[in-house]
Amino acid sequence: MSRSCEQATEQIYFYLDGEMSQFRRMRIRWHLRRCGHCDCAYDFEEKVKEMIRIKGRTEPSAELIQRLHALLREEAGDESGR
């Protein structure tokens, strides 16, 4: 994998989320258009993100909410004990 591929794949989520400068976005877009390997990686990550967005619309289970509350209480207890 070339250095430009490494840079592109390291920045793929920032690119997908639009969290980068226009210049960097253009450079990554240029790379993706010319590199089949990175373009495939981008397509995969884009599909994963879309699935998460769609599946994330459902309400979490009561069990999940209880577990999260317990973890938050545990973390808060660890913070106060330091």
C-alpha atoms as a PDB file:
ATOM      1  CA  MET A   1       0.000   0.000   0.000  1.00  0.00           C
ATOM      2  CA  SER A   2       1.427   3.369  -0.980  1.00  0.00           C
ATOM      3  CA  ARG A   3       1.718   6.323   1.375  1.00  0.00           C
ATOM      4  CA  SER A   4      -1.094   8.136  -0.472  1.00  0.00           C
ATOM      5  CA  CYS A   5      -3.311   5.053   0.064  1.00  0.00           C
ATOM      6  CA  GLU A   6      -2.469   5.038   3.761  1.00  0.00           C
ATOM      7  CA  GLN A   7      -3.336   8.720   4.043  1.00  0.00           C
ATOM      8  CA  ALA A   8      -6.605   8.260   2.163  1.00  0.00           C
ATOM      9  CA  THR A   9      -7.743   5.295   4.250  1.00  0.00           C
ATOM     10  CA  GLU A  10      -6.743   6.992   7.515  1.00  0.00           C
ATOM     11  CA  GLN A  11      -8.972   9.931   6.606  1.00  0.00           C
ATOM     12  CA  ILE A  12     -11.933   8.014   5.147  1.00  0.00           C
ATOM     13  CA  TYR A  13     -14.304   8.606   8.070  1.00  0.00           C
ATOM     14  CA  PHE A  14     -13.467  12.312   8.189  1.00  0.00           C
ATOM     15  CA  TYR A  15     -14.179  12.365   4.453  1.00  0.00           C
ATOM     16  CA  LEU A  16     -17.480  10.510   4.865  1.00  0.00           C
ATOM     17  CA  ASP A  17     -18.535  12.849   7.674  1.00  0.00           C
ATOM     18  CA  GLY A  18     -17.450  16.012   5.846  1.00  0.00           C
ATOM     19  CA  GLU A  19     -15.082  16.873   8.696  1.00  0.00           C
ATOM     20  CA  MET A  20     -12.136  18.194   6.720  1.00  0.00           C
ATOM     21  CA  SER A  21     -11.088  21.147   4.678  1.00  0.00           C
ATOM     22  CA  GLN A  22     -12.273  21.475   1.104  1.00  0.00           C
ATOM     23  CA  PHE A  23      -8.693  21.118  -0.133  1.00  0.00           C
ATOM     24  CA  ARG A  24      -8.109  17.821   1.701  1.00  0.00           C
ATOM     25  CA  ARG A  25     -11.530  16.582   0.564  1.00  0.00           C
ATOM     26  CA  MET A  26     -10.610  17.274  -3.061  1.00  0.00           C
ATOM     27  CA  ARG A  27      -7.294  15.451  -2.675  1.00  0.00           C
ATOM     28  CA  ILE A  28      -8.958  12.359  -1.222  1.00  0.00           C
ATOM     29  CA  ARG A  29     -11.693  12.423  -3.861  1.00  0.00           C
ATOM     30  CA  TRP A  30      -8.989  12.618  -6.537  1.00  0.00           C
ATOM     31  CA  HIS A  31      -7.184   9.637  -4.991  1.00  0.00           C
ATOM     32  CA  LEU A  32     -10.376   7.569  -4.699  1.00  0.00           C
ATOM     33  CA  ARG A  33     -11.176   8.107  -8.371  1.00  0.00           C
ATOM     34  CA  ARG A  34      -7.776   6.766  -9.392  1.00  0.00           C
ATOM     35  CA  CYS A  35      -7.216   3.958  -6.887  1.00  0.00           C
ATOM     36  CA  GLY A  36      -9.455   0.910  -7.143  1.00  0.00           C
ATOM     37  CA  HIS A  37      -8.292  -0.508  -3.812  1.00  0.00           C
ATOM     38  CA  CYS A  38      -9.108   2.646  -1.854  1.00  0.00           C
ATOM     39  CA  ASP A  39     -12.324   3.187  -3.797  1.00  0.00           C
ATOM     40  CA  CYS A  40     -13.503  -0.292  -2.751  1.00  0.00           C
ATOM     41  CA  ALA A  41     -12.569   0.460   0.858  1.00  0.00           C
ATOM     42  CA  TYR A  42     -14.502   3.729   0.648  1.00  0.00           C
ATOM     43  CA  ASP A  43     -17.565   1.957  -0.791  1.00  0.00           C
ATOM     44  CA  PHE A  44     -17.453  -0.597   2.018  1.00  0.00           C
ATOM     45  CA  GLU A  45     -17.173   2.035   4.758  1.00  0.00           C
ATOM     46  CA  GLU A  46     -19.931   4.105   3.180  1.00  0.00           C
ATOM     47  CA  LYS A  47     -22.242   1.069   3.211  1.00  0.00           C
ATOM     48  CA  VAL A  48     -21.369   0.285   6.830  1.00  0.00           C
ATOM     49  CA  LYS A  49     -22.120   3.858   7.839  1.00  0.00           C
ATOM     50  CA  GLU A  50     -25.441   3.765   5.972  1.00  0.00           C
ATOM     51  CA  MET A  51     -26.420   0.497   7.683  1.00  0.00           C
ATOM     52  CA  ILE A  52     -25.606   1.986  11.076  1.00  0.00           C
ATOM     53  CA  ARG A  53     -27.666   5.054  10.263  1.00  0.00           C
ATOM     54  CA  ILE A  54     -30.668   2.976   9.190  1.00  0.00           C
ATOM     55  CA  LYS A  55     -30.436   0.427  12.003  1.00  0.00           C
ATOM     56  CA  GLY A  56     -29.789   3.171  14.548  1.00  0.00           C
ATOM     57  CA  ARG A  57     -33.285   4.518  14.062  1.00  0.00           C
ATOM     58  CA  THR A  58     -34.802   1.780  16.185  1.00  0.00           C
ATOM     59  CA  GLU A  59     -35.246   2.308  19.893  1.00  0.00           C
ATOM     60  CA  PRO A  60     -32.669   0.570  22.095  1.00  0.00           C
ATOM     61  CA  SER A  61     -33.920  -2.264  24.283  1.00  0.00           C
ATOM     62  CA  ALA A  62     -34.685  -1.660  27.947  1.00  0.00           C
ATOM     63  CA  GLU A  63     -31.856  -4.060  28.805  1.00  0.00           C
ATOM     64  CA  LEU A  64     -29.352  -1.995  26.826  1.00  0.00           C
ATOM     65  CA  ILE A  65     -30.488   1.206  28.515  1.00  0.00           C
ATOM     66  CA  GLN A  66     -30.153  -0.405  31.956  1.00  0.00           C
ATOM     67  CA  ARG A  67     -26.658  -1.680  31.148  1.00  0.00           C
ATOM     68  CA  LEU A  68     -25.596   1.758  29.930  1.00  0.00           C
ATOM     69  CA  HIS A  69     -26.940   3.394  33.074  1.00  0.00           C
ATOM     70  CA  ALA A  70     -25.042   0.870  35.201  1.00  0.00           C
ATOM     71  CA  LEU A  71     -21.819   1.544  33.285  1.00  0.00           C
ATOM     72  CA  LEU A  72     -22.293   5.299  33.668  1.00  0.00           C
ATOM     73  CA  ARG A  73     -22.901   4.937  37.418  1.00  0.00           C
ATOM     74  CA  GLU A  74     -19.805   2.734  37.682  1.00  0.00           C
ATOM     75  CA  GLU A  75     -17.729   5.254  35.742  1.00  0.00           C
ATOM     76  CA  ALA A  76     -19.020   8.115  37.889  1.00  0.00           C
ATOM     77  CA  GLY A  77     -18.035   6.133  41.013  1.00  0.00           C
ATOM     78  CA  ASP A  78     -14.529   5.596  39.611  1.00  0.00           C
ATOM     79  CA  GLU A  79     -14.176   9.310  38.919  1.00  0.00           C
ATOM     80  CA  SER A  80     -15.171  10.333  42.455  1.00  0.00           C
ATOM     81  CA  GLY A  81     -12.816   7.789  44.027  1.00  0.00           C
ATOM     82  CA  ARG A  82      -9.664   9.132  42.349  1.00  0.00           C
END
